[in-house]
């Protein structure tokens, strides 16, 4: 699916499919963190079962108002204990499948919101 942002001065998720996501023209076949503040980094996890509180703690570095967790090809909620580093800082967290997370990130980033998308791209 092709996606278009309202703003062009932030990172945008331009397309996605099973096992990949494209950010600003570059295709990634592994998990990534995309920030409306301009940060794009690898997210060192390939399965939801590998996630730790440290994975979520790193998402706070851009001081977002919201973190969107893309949980893979299907919706999976993680233990609230893993989200504690974000919740304790007053950062909202929404969980959805990775494709929905990509679309939601673009909408919020296009509105100028401070948002981070942590997109789990599952290895097969």
PDB file of N, CA and C in Angstrom:
ATOM      1  N   UNK A   1       0.843  -1.172   0.000  1.00  0.00           N
ATOM      2  CA  UNK A   1       0.000   0.000   0.000  1.00  0.00           C
ATOM      3  C   UNK A   1       0.891   1.239   0.000  1.00  0.00           C
ATOM      4  N   UNK A   2       0.581   2.200  -0.835  1.00  0.00           N
ATOM      5  CA  UNK A   2       1.336   3.449  -0.915  1.00  0.00           C
ATOM      6  C   UNK A   2       0.696   4.477   0.015  1.00  0.00           C
ATOM      7  N   UNK A   3       1.547   5.195   0.761  1.00  0.00           N
ATOM      8  CA  UNK A   3       1.082   6.188   1.724  1.00  0.00           C
ATOM      9  C   UNK A   3       1.718   7.534   1.425  1.00  0.00           C
ATOM     10  N   UNK A   4       0.996   8.626   1.654  1.00  0.00           N
ATOM     11  CA  UNK A   4       1.522   9.967   1.433  1.00  0.00           C
ATOM     12  C   UNK A   4       1.280  10.836   2.664  1.00  0.00           C
ATOM     13  N   UNK A   5       2.310  11.527   3.177  1.00  0.00           N
ATOM     14  CA  UNK A   5       2.131  12.421   4.323  1.00  0.00           C
ATOM     15  C   UNK A   5       1.617  13.790   3.901  1.00  0.00           C
ATOM     16  N   UNK A   6       1.024  14.533   4.847  1.00  0.00           N
ATOM     17  CA  UNK A   6       0.629  15.917   4.601  1.00  0.00           C
ATOM     18  C   UNK A   6       1.843  16.832   4.616  1.00  0.00           C
ATOM     19  N   UNK A   7       2.775  16.568   5.511  1.00  0.00           N
ATOM     20  CA  UNK A   7       4.004  17.356   5.616  1.00  0.00           C
ATOM     21  C   UNK A   7       5.126  16.599   4.940  1.00  0.00           C
ATOM     22  N   UNK A   8       6.081  17.334   4.401  1.00  0.00           N
ATOM     23  CA  UNK A   8       7.222  16.693   3.761  1.00  0.00           C
ATOM     24  C   UNK A   8       8.515  16.957   4.527  1.00  0.00           C
ATOM     25  N   UNK A   9       8.450  17.654   5.655  1.00  0.00           N
ATOM     26  CA  UNK A   9       9.657  17.987   6.408  1.00  0.00           C
ATOM     27  C   UNK A   9       9.903  17.021   7.567  1.00  0.00           C
ATOM     28  N   UNK A  10       9.287  15.855   7.526  1.00  0.00           N
ATOM     29  CA  UNK A  10       9.497  14.841   8.547  1.00  0.00           C
ATOM     30  C   UNK A  10       9.647  13.491   7.860  1.00  0.00           C
ATOM     31  N   UNK A  11      10.180  12.514   8.570  1.00  0.00           N
ATOM     32  CA  UNK A  11      10.263  11.172   8.007  1.00  0.00           C
ATOM     33  C   UNK A  11       8.861  10.647   7.745  1.00  0.00           C
ATOM     34  N   UNK A  12       8.688   9.996   6.610  1.00  0.00           N
ATOM     35  CA  UNK A  12       7.375   9.413   6.316  1.00  0.00           C
ATOM     36  C   UNK A  12       7.543   7.954   5.899  1.00  0.00           C
ATOM     37  N   UNK A  13       6.538   7.190   6.240  1.00  0.00           N
ATOM     38  CA  UNK A  13       6.494   5.791   5.844  1.00  0.00           C
ATOM     39  C   UNK A  13       5.719   5.767   4.535  1.00  0.00           C
ATOM     40  N   UNK A  14       6.422   5.460   3.462  1.00  0.00           N
ATOM     41  CA  UNK A  14       5.849   5.619   2.134  1.00  0.00           C
ATOM     42  C   UNK A  14       5.133   4.383   1.623  1.00  0.00           C
ATOM     43  N   UNK A  15       5.525   3.220   2.110  1.00  0.00           N
ATOM     44  CA  UNK A  15       4.886   1.981   1.661  1.00  0.00           C
ATOM     45  C   UNK A  15       5.221   0.884   2.661  1.00  0.00           C
ATOM     46  N   UNK A  16       4.434  -0.176   2.623  1.00  0.00           N
ATOM     47  CA  UNK A  16       4.714  -1.327   3.478  1.00  0.00           C
ATOM     48  C   UNK A  16       4.062  -2.557   2.884  1.00  0.00           C
ATOM     49  N   UNK A  17       4.547  -3.684   3.313  1.00  0.00           N
ATOM     50  CA  UNK A  17       3.994  -4.960   2.892  1.00  0.00           C
ATOM     51  C   UNK A  17       4.460  -6.019   3.871  1.00  0.00           C
ATOM     52  N   UNK A  18       4.048  -7.242   3.664  1.00  0.00           N
ATOM     53  CA  UNK A  18       4.487  -8.311   4.580  1.00  0.00           C
ATOM     54  C   UNK A  18       6.016  -8.426   4.602  1.00  0.00           C
ATOM     55  N   UNK A  19       6.606  -8.204   5.766  1.00  0.00           N
ATOM     56  CA  UNK A  19       8.054  -8.354   5.918  1.00  0.00           C
ATOM     57  C   UNK A  19       8.895  -7.161   5.524  1.00  0.00           C
ATOM     58  N   UNK A  20       8.292  -5.994   5.270  1.00  0.00           N
ATOM     59  CA  UNK A  20       9.092  -4.814   4.916  1.00  0.00           C
ATOM     60  C   UNK A  20       8.303  -3.530   5.122  1.00  0.00           C
ATOM     61  N   UNK A  21       9.056  -2.436   5.178  1.00  0.00           N
ATOM     62  CA  UNK A  21       8.489  -1.095   5.263  1.00  0.00           C
ATOM     63  C   UNK A  21       9.450  -0.153   4.537  1.00  0.00           C
ATOM     64  N   UNK A  22       8.927   0.870   3.872  1.00  0.00           N
ATOM     65  CA  UNK A  22       9.766   1.850   3.172  1.00  0.00           C
ATOM     66  C   UNK A  22       9.614   3.199   3.863  1.00  0.00           C
ATOM     67  N   UNK A  23      10.749   3.775   4.265  1.00  0.00           N
ATOM     68  CA  UNK A  23      10.782   5.069   4.941  1.00  0.00           C
ATOM     69  C   UNK A  23      11.648   6.003   4.110  1.00  0.00           C
ATOM     70  N   UNK A  24      11.064   7.118   3.682  1.00  0.00           N
ATOM     71  CA  UNK A  24      11.772   8.110   2.862  1.00  0.00           C
ATOM     72  C   UNK A  24      12.537   7.469   1.701  1.00  0.00           C
ATOM     73  N   UNK A  25      11.890   6.542   1.030  1.00  0.00           N
ATOM     74  CA  UNK A  25      12.471   5.936  -0.160  1.00  0.00           C
ATOM     75  C   UNK A  25      13.381   4.751   0.071  1.00  0.00           C
ATOM     76  N   UNK A  26      13.669   4.421   1.306  1.00  0.00           N
ATOM     77  CA  UNK A  26      14.556   3.296   1.623  1.00  0.00           C
ATOM     78  C   UNK A  26      13.718   2.144   2.172  1.00  0.00           C
ATOM     79  N   UNK A  27      13.915   0.963   1.645  1.00  0.00           N
ATOM     80  CA  UNK A  27      13.156  -0.221   2.071  1.00  0.00           C
ATOM     81  C   UNK A  27      13.913  -0.956   3.181  1.00  0.00           C
ATOM     82  N   UNK A  28      13.187  -1.323   4.235  1.00  0.00           N
ATOM     83  CA  UNK A  28      13.760  -2.033   5.384  1.00  0.00           C
ATOM     84  C   UNK A  28      13.032  -3.354   5.573  1.00  0.00           C
ATOM     85  N   UNK A  29      13.792  -4.417   5.752  1.00  0.00           N
ATOM     86  CA  UNK A  29      13.226  -5.745   5.989  1.00  0.00           C
ATOM     87  C   UNK A  29      13.500  -6.183   7.424  1.00  0.00           C
ATOM     88  N   UNK A  30      13.695  -5.217   8.300  1.00  0.00           N
ATOM     89  CA  UNK A  30      13.902  -5.491   9.715  1.00  0.00           C
ATOM     90  C   UNK A  30      13.194  -4.403  10.534  1.00  0.00           C
ATOM     91  N   UNK A  31      13.042  -4.647  11.804  1.00  0.00           N
ATOM     92  CA  UNK A  31      12.326  -3.715  12.683  1.00  0.00           C
ATOM     93  C   UNK A  31      13.039  -2.374  12.753  1.00  0.00           C
ATOM     94  N   UNK A  32      12.248  -1.291  12.765  1.00  0.00           N
ATOM     95  CA  UNK A  32      12.798   0.061  12.801  1.00  0.00           C
ATOM     96  C   UNK A  32      11.994   0.944  13.750  1.00  0.00           C
ATOM     97  N   UNK A  33      12.639   2.031  14.170  1.00  0.00           N
ATOM     98  CA  UNK A  33      11.989   3.092  14.936  1.00  0.00           C
ATOM     99  C   UNK A  33      12.023   4.338  14.061  1.00  0.00           C
ATOM    100  N   UNK A  34      10.860   4.936  13.858  1.00  0.00           N
ATOM    101  CA  UNK A  34      10.731   6.136  13.034  1.00  0.00           C
ATOM    102  C   UNK A  34      10.159   7.240  13.919  1.00  0.00           C
ATOM    103  N   UNK A  35      10.856   8.375  13.969  1.00  0.00           N
ATOM    104  CA  UNK A  35      10.433   9.483  14.813  1.00  0.00           C
ATOM    105  C   UNK A  35      10.090  10.698  13.965  1.00  0.00           C
ATOM    106  N   UNK A  36       9.018  11.369  14.328  1.00  0.00           N
ATOM    107  CA  UNK A  36       8.671  12.606  13.622  1.00  0.00           C
ATOM    108  C   UNK A  36       9.705  13.700  13.882  1.00  0.00           C
ATOM    109  N   UNK A  37      10.586  13.478  14.846  1.00  0.00           N
ATOM    110  CA  UNK A  37      11.671  14.417  15.138  1.00  0.00           C
ATOM    111  C   UNK A  37      12.877  14.171  14.228  1.00  0.00           C
ATOM    112  N   UNK A  38      12.781  13.184  13.315  1.00  0.00           N
ATOM    113  CA  UNK A  38      13.833  12.967  12.322  1.00  0.00           C
ATOM    114  C   UNK A  38      14.747  11.787  12.578  1.00  0.00           C
ATOM    115  N   UNK A  39      14.484  11.008  13.601  1.00  0.00           N
ATOM    116  CA  UNK A  39      15.352   9.854  13.902  1.00  0.00           C
ATOM    117  C   UNK A  39      14.791   8.594  13.252  1.00  0.00           C
ATOM    118  N   UNK A  40      15.666   7.854  12.586  1.00  0.00           N
ATOM    119  CA  UNK A  40      15.339   6.553  12.016  1.00  0.00           C
ATOM    120  C   UNK A  40      16.451   5.602  12.436  1.00  0.00           C
ATOM    121  N   UNK A  41      16.096   4.601  13.220  1.00  0.00           N
ATOM    122  CA  UNK A  41      17.097   3.650  13.705  1.00  0.00           C
ATOM    123  C   UNK A  41      16.562   2.234  13.606  1.00  0.00           C
ATOM    124  N   UNK A  42      17.497   1.302  13.568  1.00  0.00           N
ATOM    125  CA  UNK A  42      17.128  -0.107  13.646  1.00  0.00           C
ATOM    126  C   UNK A  42      16.602  -0.391  15.044  1.00  0.00           C
ATOM    127  N   UNK A  43      15.657  -1.304  15.134  1.00  0.00           N
ATOM    128  CA  UNK A  43      15.118  -1.733  16.429  1.00  0.00           C
ATOM    129  C   UNK A  43      15.476  -3.196  16.551  1.00  0.00           C
ATOM    130  N   UNK A  44      16.349  -3.522  17.451  1.00  0.00           N
ATOM    131  CA  UNK A  44      16.967  -4.845  17.543  1.00  0.00           C
ATOM    132  C   UNK A  44      16.009  -5.905  18.097  1.00  0.00           C
ATOM    133  N   UNK A  45      15.031  -6.292  17.287  1.00  0.00           N
ATOM    134  CA  UNK A  45      14.119  -7.385  17.645  1.00  0.00           C
ATOM    135  C   UNK A  45      13.444  -7.870  16.369  1.00  0.00           C
ATOM    136  N   UNK A  46      13.211  -9.164  16.309  1.00  0.00           N
ATOM    137  CA  UNK A  46      12.577  -9.742  15.123  1.00  0.00           C
ATOM    138  C   UNK A  46      11.255 -10.427  15.438  1.00  0.00           C
ATOM    139  N   UNK A  47      10.979 -10.655  16.696  1.00  0.00           N
ATOM    140  CA  UNK A  47       9.745 -11.303  17.128  1.00  0.00           C
ATOM    141  C   UNK A  47       9.247 -10.601  18.381  1.00  0.00           C
ATOM    142  N   UNK A  48       7.943 -10.597  18.583  1.00  0.00           N
ATOM    143  CA  UNK A  48       7.369  -9.975  19.774  1.00  0.00           C
ATOM    144  C   UNK A  48       7.899 -10.626  21.055  1.00  0.00           C
ATOM    145  N   UNK A  49       8.209 -11.897  20.996  1.00  0.00           N
ATOM    146  CA  UNK A  49       8.706 -12.608  22.178  1.00  0.00           C
ATOM    147  C   UNK A  49      10.093 -12.126  22.617  1.00  0.00           C
ATOM    148  N   UNK A  50      10.819 -11.423  21.767  1.00  0.00           N
ATOM    149  CA  UNK A  50      12.156 -10.910  22.093  1.00  0.00           C
ATOM    150  C   UNK A  50      12.120  -9.561  22.804  1.00  0.00           C
ATOM    151  N   UNK A  51      10.981  -8.902  22.839  1.00  0.00           N
ATOM    152  CA  UNK A  51      10.900  -7.550  23.382  1.00  0.00           C
ATOM    153  C   UNK A  51      11.122  -7.510  24.886  1.00  0.00           C
ATOM    154  N   UNK A  52      11.846  -6.468  25.322  1.00  0.00           N
ATOM    155  CA  UNK A  52      12.117  -6.234  26.738  1.00  0.00           C
ATOM    156  C   UNK A  52      11.746  -4.786  27.078  1.00  0.00           C
ATOM    157  N   UNK A  53      11.776  -4.459  28.352  1.00  0.00           N
ATOM    158  CA  UNK A  53      11.524  -3.083  28.773  1.00  0.00           C
ATOM    159  C   UNK A  53      12.563  -2.134  28.171  1.00  0.00           C
ATOM    160  N   UNK A  54      13.780  -2.604  27.974  1.00  0.00           N
ATOM    161  CA  UNK A  54      14.828  -1.767  27.363  1.00  0.00           C
ATOM    162  C   UNK A  54      14.462  -1.349  25.939  1.00  0.00           C
ATOM    163  N   UNK A  55      13.853  -2.253  25.179  1.00  0.00           N
ATOM    164  CA  UNK A  55      13.415  -1.897  23.824  1.00  0.00           C
ATOM    165  C   UNK A  55      12.483  -0.690  23.870  1.00  0.00           C
ATOM    166  N   UNK A  56      11.577  -0.674  24.842  1.00  0.00           N
ATOM    167  CA  UNK A  56      10.615   0.426  24.936  1.00  0.00           C
ATOM    168  C   UNK A  56      11.232   1.666  25.582  1.00  0.00           C
ATOM    169  N   UNK A  57      12.168   1.488  26.499  1.00  0.00           N
ATOM    170  CA  UNK A  57      12.820   2.628  27.148  1.00  0.00           C
ATOM    171  C   UNK A  57      13.552   3.502  26.128  1.00  0.00           C
ATOM    172  N   UNK A  58      14.142   2.893  25.112  1.00  0.00           N
ATOM    173  CA  UNK A  58      14.876   3.671  24.100  1.00  0.00           C
ATOM    174  C   UNK A  58      13.954   4.562  23.281  1.00  0.00           C
ATOM    175  N   UNK A  59      12.663   4.271  23.269  1.00  0.00           N
ATOM    176  CA  UNK A  59      11.721   5.047  22.465  1.00  0.00           C
ATOM    177  C   UNK A  59      11.428   6.422  23.058  1.00  0.00           C
ATOM    178  N   UNK A  60      11.811   6.634  24.309  1.00  0.00           N
ATOM    179  CA  UNK A  60      11.538   7.900  24.989  1.00  0.00           C
ATOM    180  C   UNK A  60      12.561   8.982  24.660  1.00  0.00           C
ATOM    181  N   UNK A  61      13.638   8.659  23.970  1.00  0.00           N
ATOM    182  CA  UNK A  61      14.718   9.633  23.788  1.00  0.00           C
ATOM    183  C   UNK A  61      14.323  10.868  22.991  1.00  0.00           C
ATOM    184  N   UNK A  62      13.309  10.783  22.149  1.00  0.00           N
ATOM    185  CA  UNK A  62      12.852  11.963  21.410  1.00  0.00           C
ATOM    186  C   UNK A  62      11.740  12.712  22.142  1.00  0.00           C
ATOM    187  N   UNK A  63      11.450  12.307  23.370  1.00  0.00           N
ATOM    188  CA  UNK A  63      10.401  12.915  24.188  1.00  0.00           C
ATOM    189  C   UNK A  63       9.073  13.030  23.424  1.00  0.00           C
ATOM    190  N   UNK A  64       8.588  11.892  22.903  1.00  0.00           N
ATOM    191  CA  UNK A  64       7.332  11.955  22.151  1.00  0.00           C
ATOM    192  C   UNK A  64       6.130  12.106  23.073  1.00  0.00           C
ATOM    193  N   UNK A  65       5.039  12.582  22.509  1.00  0.00           N
ATOM    194  CA  UNK A  65       3.787  12.569  23.262  1.00  0.00           C
ATOM    195  C   UNK A  65       3.107  11.221  23.109  1.00  0.00           C
ATOM    196  N   UNK A  66       3.451  10.489  22.038  1.00  0.00           N
ATOM    197  CA  UNK A  66       2.835   9.198  21.773  1.00  0.00           C
ATOM    198  C   UNK A  66       3.815   8.256  21.095  1.00  0.00           C
ATOM    199  N   UNK A  67       3.811   6.996  21.525  1.00  0.00           N
ATOM    200  CA  UNK A  67       4.539   5.923  20.850  1.00  0.00           C
ATOM    201  C   UNK A  67       3.497   4.993  20.248  1.00  0.00           C
ATOM    202  N   UNK A  68       3.670   4.711  18.973  1.00  0.00           N
ATOM    203  CA  UNK A  68       2.810   3.743  18.295  1.00  0.00           C
ATOM    204  C   UNK A  68       3.635   2.477  18.109  1.00  0.00           C
ATOM    205  N   UNK A  69       3.195   1.405  18.737  1.00  0.00           N
ATOM    206  CA  UNK A  69       3.884   0.124  18.620  1.00  0.00           C
ATOM    207  C   UNK A  69       3.193  -0.716  17.562  1.00  0.00           C
ATOM    208  N   UNK A  70       3.896  -0.973  16.471  1.00  0.00           N
ATOM    209  CA  UNK A  70       3.408  -1.856  15.420  1.00  0.00           C
ATOM    210  C   UNK A  70       3.859  -3.269  15.747  1.00  0.00           C
ATOM    211  N   UNK A  71       2.925  -4.119  16.137  1.00  0.00           N
ATOM    212  CA  UNK A  71       3.244  -5.420  16.728  1.00  0.00           C
ATOM    213  C   UNK A  71       3.452  -6.550  15.731  1.00  0.00           C
ATOM    214  N   UNK A  72       3.629  -6.225  14.466  1.00  0.00           N
ATOM    215  CA  UNK A  72       3.843  -7.267  13.453  1.00  0.00           C
ATOM    216  C   UNK A  72       2.638  -7.391  12.546  1.00  0.00           C
ATOM    217  N   UNK A  73       2.531  -8.512  11.874  1.00  0.00           N
ATOM    218  CA  UNK A  73       1.452  -8.706  10.909  1.00  0.00           C
ATOM    219  C   UNK A  73       0.084  -8.826  11.562  1.00  0.00           C
ATOM    220  N   UNK A  74       0.058  -9.144  12.849  1.00  0.00           N
ATOM    221  CA  UNK A  74      -1.221  -9.189  13.553  1.00  0.00           C
ATOM    222  C   UNK A  74      -1.083  -8.460  14.884  1.00  0.00           C
ATOM    223  N   UNK A  75      -2.191  -8.055  15.421  1.00  0.00           N
ATOM    224  CA  UNK A  75      -2.214  -7.313  16.681  1.00  0.00           C
ATOM    225  C   UNK A  75      -1.810  -8.220  17.837  1.00  0.00           C
ATOM    226  N   UNK A  76      -0.789  -7.786  18.596  1.00  0.00           N
ATOM    227  CA  UNK A  76      -0.333  -8.497  19.787  1.00  0.00           C
ATOM    228  C   UNK A  76      -0.036  -7.468  20.856  1.00  0.00           C
ATOM    229  N   UNK A  77      -0.625  -7.628  22.010  1.00  0.00           N
ATOM    230  CA  UNK A  77      -0.334  -6.731  23.117  1.00  0.00           C
ATOM    231  C   UNK A  77       0.822  -7.300  23.925  1.00  0.00           C
ATOM    232  N   UNK A  78       1.707  -6.413  24.387  1.00  0.00           N
ATOM    233  CA  UNK A  78       2.815  -6.843  25.234  1.00  0.00           C
ATOM    234  C   UNK A  78       2.441  -6.614  26.695  1.00  0.00           C
ATOM    235  N   UNK A  79       3.192  -7.213  27.578  1.00  0.00           N
ATOM    236  CA  UNK A  79       2.971  -7.049  29.008  1.00  0.00           C
ATOM    237  C   UNK A  79       3.106  -5.574  29.390  1.00  0.00           C
ATOM    238  N   UNK A  80       2.201  -5.063  30.225  1.00  0.00           N
ATOM    239  CA  UNK A  80       2.321  -3.670  30.679  1.00  0.00           C
ATOM    240  C   UNK A  80       3.670  -3.382  31.352  1.00  0.00           C
ATOM    241  N   UNK A  81       4.296  -4.381  31.928  1.00  0.00           N
ATOM    242  CA  UNK A  81       5.606  -4.178  32.559  1.00  0.00           C
ATOM    243  C   UNK A  81       6.647  -3.716  31.535  1.00  0.00           C
ATOM    244  N   UNK A  82       6.525  -4.154  30.291  1.00  0.00           N
ATOM    245  CA  UNK A  82       7.472  -3.732  29.256  1.00  0.00           C
ATOM    246  C   UNK A  82       7.288  -2.265  28.892  1.00  0.00           C
ATOM    247  N   UNK A  83       6.081  -1.765  29.069  1.00  0.00           N
ATOM    248  CA  UNK A  83       5.762  -0.378  28.702  1.00  0.00           C
ATOM    249  C   UNK A  83       6.023   0.604  29.845  1.00  0.00           C
ATOM    250  N   UNK A  84       6.348   0.096  31.011  1.00  0.00           N
ATOM    251  CA  UNK A  84       6.528   0.930  32.200  1.00  0.00           C
ATOM    252  C   UNK A  84       7.461   2.119  31.980  1.00  0.00           C
ATOM    253  N   UNK A  85       8.610   1.973  31.290  1.00  0.00           N
ATOM    254  CA  UNK A  85       9.487   3.148  31.093  1.00  0.00           C
ATOM    255  C   UNK A  85       8.783   4.308  30.384  1.00  0.00           C
ATOM    256  N   UNK A  86       7.860   4.008  29.499  1.00  0.00           N
ATOM    257  CA  UNK A  86       7.122   5.060  28.789  1.00  0.00           C
ATOM    258  C   UNK A  86       5.998   5.618  29.653  1.00  0.00           C
ATOM    259  N   UNK A  87       5.251   4.734  30.277  1.00  0.00           N
ATOM    260  CA  UNK A  87       4.108   5.143  31.098  1.00  0.00           C
ATOM    261  C   UNK A  87       4.570   6.033  32.255  1.00  0.00           C
ATOM    262  N   UNK A  88       5.698   5.683  32.877  1.00  0.00           N
ATOM    263  CA  UNK A  88       6.209   6.479  33.998  1.00  0.00           C
ATOM    264  C   UNK A  88       6.608   7.882  33.575  1.00  0.00           C
ATOM    265  N   UNK A  89       6.905   8.080  32.304  1.00  0.00           N
ATOM    266  CA  UNK A  89       7.259   9.416  31.797  1.00  0.00           C
ATOM    267  C   UNK A  89       6.051  10.146  31.215  1.00  0.00           C
ATOM    268  N   UNK A  90       4.876   9.542  31.319  1.00  0.00           N
ATOM    269  CA  UNK A  90       3.667  10.180  30.813  1.00  0.00           C
ATOM    270  C   UNK A  90       3.537  10.141  29.304  1.00  0.00           C
ATOM    271  N   UNK A  91       4.205   9.192  28.669  1.00  0.00           N
ATOM    272  CA  UNK A  91       4.146   9.040  27.216  1.00  0.00           C
ATOM    273  C   UNK A  91       3.060   8.024  26.880  1.00  0.00           C
ATOM    274  N   UNK A  92       2.120   8.414  26.038  1.00  0.00           N
ATOM    275  CA  UNK A  92       1.053   7.512  25.628  1.00  0.00           C
ATOM    276  C   UNK A  92       1.587   6.411  24.735  1.00  0.00           C
ATOM    277  N   UNK A  93       0.954   5.261  24.802  1.00  0.00           N
ATOM    278  CA  UNK A  93       1.340   4.117  23.975  1.00  0.00           C
ATOM    279  C   UNK A  93       0.085   3.528  23.346  1.00  0.00           C
ATOM    280  N   UNK A  94       0.134   3.340  22.044  1.00  0.00           N
ATOM    281  CA  UNK A  94      -0.943   2.664  21.317  1.00  0.00           C
ATOM    282  C   UNK A  94      -0.344   1.464  20.603  1.00  0.00           C
ATOM    283  N   UNK A  95      -1.032   0.347  20.660  1.00  0.00           N
ATOM    284  CA  UNK A  95      -0.585  -0.874  19.997  1.00  0.00           C
ATOM    285  C   UNK A  95      -1.535  -1.198  18.868  1.00  0.00           C
ATOM    286  N   UNK A  96      -0.970  -1.531  17.715  1.00  0.00           N
ATOM    287  CA  UNK A  96      -1.757  -1.951  16.556  1.00  0.00           C
ATOM    288  C   UNK A  96      -0.853  -2.783  15.665  1.00  0.00           C
ATOM    289  N   UNK A  97      -1.414  -3.435  14.659  1.00  0.00           N
ATOM    290  CA  UNK A  97      -0.536  -4.179  13.759  1.00  0.00           C
ATOM    291  C   UNK A  97       0.365  -3.178  13.026  1.00  0.00           C
ATOM    292  N   UNK A  98       1.460  -3.668  12.478  1.00  0.00           N
ATOM    293  CA  UNK A  98       2.468  -2.776  11.896  1.00  0.00           C
ATOM    294  C   UNK A  98       1.920  -1.954  10.733  1.00  0.00           C
ATOM    295  N   UNK A  99       1.064  -2.514   9.915  1.00  0.00           N
ATOM    296  CA  UNK A  99       0.517  -1.744   8.789  1.00  0.00           C
ATOM    297  C   UNK A  99      -0.359  -0.596   9.282  1.00  0.00           C
ATOM    298  N   UNK A 100      -1.187  -0.838  10.286  1.00  0.00           N
ATOM    299  CA  UNK A 100      -2.015   0.232  10.856  1.00  0.00           C
ATOM    300  C   UNK A 100      -1.136   1.272  11.547  1.00  0.00           C
ATOM    301  N   UNK A 101      -0.072   0.816  12.207  1.00  0.00           N
ATOM    302  CA  UNK A 101       0.839   1.734  12.885  1.00  0.00           C
ATOM    303  C   UNK A 101       1.520   2.662  11.881  1.00  0.00           C
ATOM    304  N   UNK A 102       1.885   2.141  10.726  1.00  0.00           N
ATOM    305  CA  UNK A 102       2.523   2.964   9.691  1.00  0.00           C
ATOM    306  C   UNK A 102       1.571   4.058   9.218  1.00  0.00           C
ATOM    307  N   UNK A 103       0.335   3.707   8.969  1.00  0.00           N
ATOM    308  CA  UNK A 103      -0.651   4.705   8.515  1.00  0.00           C
ATOM    309  C   UNK A 103      -0.905   5.758   9.590  1.00  0.00           C
ATOM    310  N   UNK A 104      -1.050   5.301  10.834  1.00  0.00           N
ATOM    311  CA  UNK A 104      -1.338   6.221  11.933  1.00  0.00           C
ATOM    312  C   UNK A 104      -0.163   7.160  12.181  1.00  0.00           C
ATOM    313  N   UNK A 105       1.060   6.641  12.122  1.00  0.00           N
ATOM    314  CA  UNK A 105       2.250   7.483  12.271  1.00  0.00           C
ATOM    315  C   UNK A 105       2.225   8.617  11.247  1.00  0.00           C
ATOM    316  N   UNK A 106       1.981   8.286   9.985  1.00  0.00           N
ATOM    317  CA  UNK A 106       1.991   9.317   8.936  1.00  0.00           C
ATOM    318  C   UNK A 106       0.958  10.406   9.204  1.00  0.00           C
ATOM    319  N   UNK A 107      -0.220  10.023   9.642  1.00  0.00           N
ATOM    320  CA  UNK A 107      -1.262  11.016   9.923  1.00  0.00           C
ATOM    321  C   UNK A 107      -0.810  11.950  11.040  1.00  0.00           C
ATOM    322  N   UNK A 108      -0.328  11.374  12.143  1.00  0.00           N
ATOM    323  CA  UNK A 108       0.064  12.189  13.299  1.00  0.00           C
ATOM    324  C   UNK A 108       1.311  13.031  13.007  1.00  0.00           C
ATOM    325  N   UNK A 109       2.305  12.448  12.352  1.00  0.00           N
ATOM    326  CA  UNK A 109       3.507  13.210  11.999  1.00  0.00           C
ATOM    327  C   UNK A 109       3.156  14.330  11.028  1.00  0.00           C
ATOM    328  N   UNK A 110       2.233  14.072  10.104  1.00  0.00           N
ATOM    329  CA  UNK A 110       1.790  15.080   9.147  1.00  0.00           C
ATOM    330  C   UNK A 110       1.081  16.241   9.816  1.00  0.00           C
ATOM    331  N   UNK A 111       0.493  15.981  10.983  1.00  0.00           N
ATOM    332  CA  UNK A 111      -0.162  17.039  11.763  1.00  0.00           C
ATOM    333  C   UNK A 111       0.822  17.793  12.651  1.00  0.00           C
ATOM    334  N   UNK A 112       2.095  17.396  12.618  1.00  0.00           N
ATOM    335  CA  UNK A 112       3.106  18.062  13.435  1.00  0.00           C
ATOM    336  C   UNK A 112       3.206  17.535  14.857  1.00  0.00           C
ATOM    337  N   UNK A 113       2.633  16.383  15.130  1.00  0.00           N
ATOM    338  CA  UNK A 113       2.683  15.798  16.476  1.00  0.00           C
ATOM    339  C   UNK A 113       4.045  15.156  16.713  1.00  0.00           C
ATOM    340  N   UNK A 114       4.474  15.119  17.984  1.00  0.00           N
ATOM    341  CA  UNK A 114       5.713  14.425  18.372  1.00  0.00           C
ATOM    342  C   UNK A 114       5.360  12.953  18.592  1.00  0.00           C
ATOM    343  N   UNK A 115       5.626  12.152  17.582  1.00  0.00           N
ATOM    344  CA  UNK A 115       5.229  10.750  17.609  1.00  0.00           C
ATOM    345  C   UNK A 115       6.399   9.868  17.187  1.00  0.00           C
ATOM    346  N   UNK A 116       6.457   8.687  17.778  1.00  0.00           N
ATOM    347  CA  UNK A 116       7.452   7.677  17.430  1.00  0.00           C
ATOM    348  C   UNK A 116       6.708   6.411  17.058  1.00  0.00           C
ATOM    349  N   UNK A 117       7.101   5.798  15.937  1.00  0.00           N
ATOM    350  CA  UNK A 117       6.553   4.500  15.546  1.00  0.00           C
ATOM    351  C   UNK A 117       7.643   3.455  15.716  1.00  0.00           C
ATOM    352  N   UNK A 118       7.374   2.459  16.535  1.00  0.00           N
ATOM    353  CA  UNK A 118       8.269   1.310  16.703  1.00  0.00           C
ATOM    354  C   UNK A 118       7.631   0.175  15.947  1.00  0.00           C
ATOM    355  N   UNK A 119       8.213  -0.155  14.796  1.00  0.00           N
ATOM    356  CA  UNK A 119       7.586  -1.093  13.879  1.00  0.00           C
ATOM    357  C   UNK A 119       8.304  -2.438  13.909  1.00  0.00           C
ATOM    358  N   UNK A 120       7.610  -3.447  14.384  1.00  0.00           N
ATOM    359  CA  UNK A 120       8.147  -4.803  14.428  1.00  0.00           C
ATOM    360  C   UNK A 120       7.948  -5.438  13.057  1.00  0.00           C
ATOM    361  N   UNK A 121       9.044  -5.712  12.392  1.00  0.00           N
ATOM    362  CA  UNK A 121       9.024  -6.411  11.107  1.00  0.00           C
ATOM    363  C   UNK A 121       9.523  -7.818  11.393  1.00  0.00           C
ATOM    364  N   UNK A 122       8.607  -8.753  11.336  1.00  0.00           N
ATOM    365  CA  UNK A 122       8.919 -10.115  11.758  1.00  0.00           C
ATOM    366  C   UNK A 122       9.721 -10.852  10.696  1.00  0.00           C
ATOM    367  N   UNK A 123      10.742 -11.574  11.145  1.00  0.00           N
ATOM    368  CA  UNK A 123      11.506 -12.413  10.231  1.00  0.00           C
ATOM    369  C   UNK A 123      10.735 -13.724  10.065  1.00  0.00           C
ATOM    370  N   UNK A 124      10.788 -14.248   8.883  1.00  0.00           N
ATOM    371  CA  UNK A 124      10.059 -15.491   8.619  1.00  0.00           C
ATOM    372  C   UNK A 124      10.965 -16.674   8.548  1.00  0.00           C
TER     373      UNK A 124
END
